[in-house]
Protein backbone atom coordinates (compact mmCIF):
# COMPACT_ATOMS: atom_id res chain seq x y z
CA MET A 1 -126.13 126.57 -25.92
CA LYS A 2 -125.02 124.94 -22.75
CA PHE A 3 -121.85 125.94 -20.98
CA SER A 4 -120.63 122.38 -21.31
CA GLU A 5 -120.88 122.65 -25.13
CA VAL A 6 -118.79 125.82 -25.06
CA MET A 7 -116.16 124.13 -22.92
CA ILE A 8 -115.88 121.25 -25.38
CA HIS A 9 -115.43 123.71 -28.25
CA PHE A 10 -112.74 125.64 -26.35
CA ASP A 11 -110.86 122.52 -25.20
CA TYR A 12 -112.19 122.70 -21.62
CA ASN A 13 -110.31 125.95 -21.01
CA MET A 14 -112.27 128.76 -19.36
CA SER A 15 -109.44 131.20 -20.04
CA ASN A 16 -109.86 130.62 -23.78
CA VAL A 17 -113.59 131.31 -23.48
CA ALA A 18 -112.94 134.47 -21.47
CA ARG A 19 -110.37 135.73 -24.00
CA ALA A 20 -112.70 135.06 -26.92
CA LEU A 21 -115.43 137.13 -25.26
CA ASN A 22 -113.12 139.74 -23.71
CA VAL A 23 -114.40 139.06 -20.17
CA SER A 24 -112.74 137.80 -17.01
CA ARG A 25 -112.28 134.12 -16.29
CA GLN A 26 -114.17 134.64 -13.04
CA TYR A 27 -117.18 135.94 -14.96
CA VAL A 28 -117.16 132.83 -17.14
CA ALA A 29 -116.88 130.62 -14.04
CA VAL A 30 -120.28 131.90 -12.85
CA TRP A 31 -121.89 130.41 -15.95
CA ARG A 32 -120.46 126.97 -15.20
CA LYS A 33 -122.59 126.59 -12.07
CA LYS A 34 -125.80 127.05 -14.07
CA ASP A 35 -124.58 125.33 -17.25
CA ALA A 36 -125.97 128.39 -19.04
CA ILE A 37 -124.67 131.56 -20.70
CA PRO A 38 -126.23 135.04 -20.97
CA TRP A 39 -128.00 135.59 -24.29
CA PRO A 40 -125.69 138.34 -25.67
CA PHE A 41 -122.64 136.12 -25.12
CA GLN A 42 -124.37 133.15 -26.74
CA CYS A 43 -124.97 135.28 -29.83
CA GLU A 44 -121.35 136.43 -29.83
CA LEU A 45 -120.10 132.85 -29.49
CA GLN A 46 -122.30 131.78 -32.40
CA ILE A 47 -120.61 134.43 -34.55
CA ILE A 48 -117.09 133.71 -33.24
CA THR A 49 -117.47 129.98 -33.95
CA ASN A 50 -119.07 130.50 -37.38
CA GLY A 51 -122.21 128.70 -36.25
CA GLU A 52 -120.53 125.69 -34.67
CA LEU A 53 -122.20 126.78 -31.43
CA ILE A 54 -125.85 127.85 -31.72
CA ALA A 55 -127.49 130.39 -29.40
CA ASP A 56 -130.43 128.82 -27.54
CA LYS A 57 -132.75 130.78 -25.24
CA GLU A 58 -133.61 127.59 -23.37
CA HIS A 59 -130.11 127.53 -21.88
CA CYS A 60 -129.85 131.22 -21.18
CA ILE A 61 -129.18 133.26 -18.04
CA GLY A 62 -131.53 136.25 -17.94
CA ASN A 63 -133.62 137.74 -20.77
CA ARG A 64 -136.35 135.11 -20.35
């Protein structure tokens, strides 16, 4: 999943994303620059959103 897709789902609010993943807003902001999210967090977001967001290794930071 792309970071931009996550932002749409969470109403363009990085604080909401950070709270959902129990990480800092600053940590989430790093992902914005690459429009990508680390694989473990993509998997967690897929679960949190009941599959509305789908983990995708193509748009992943690390674990390639």
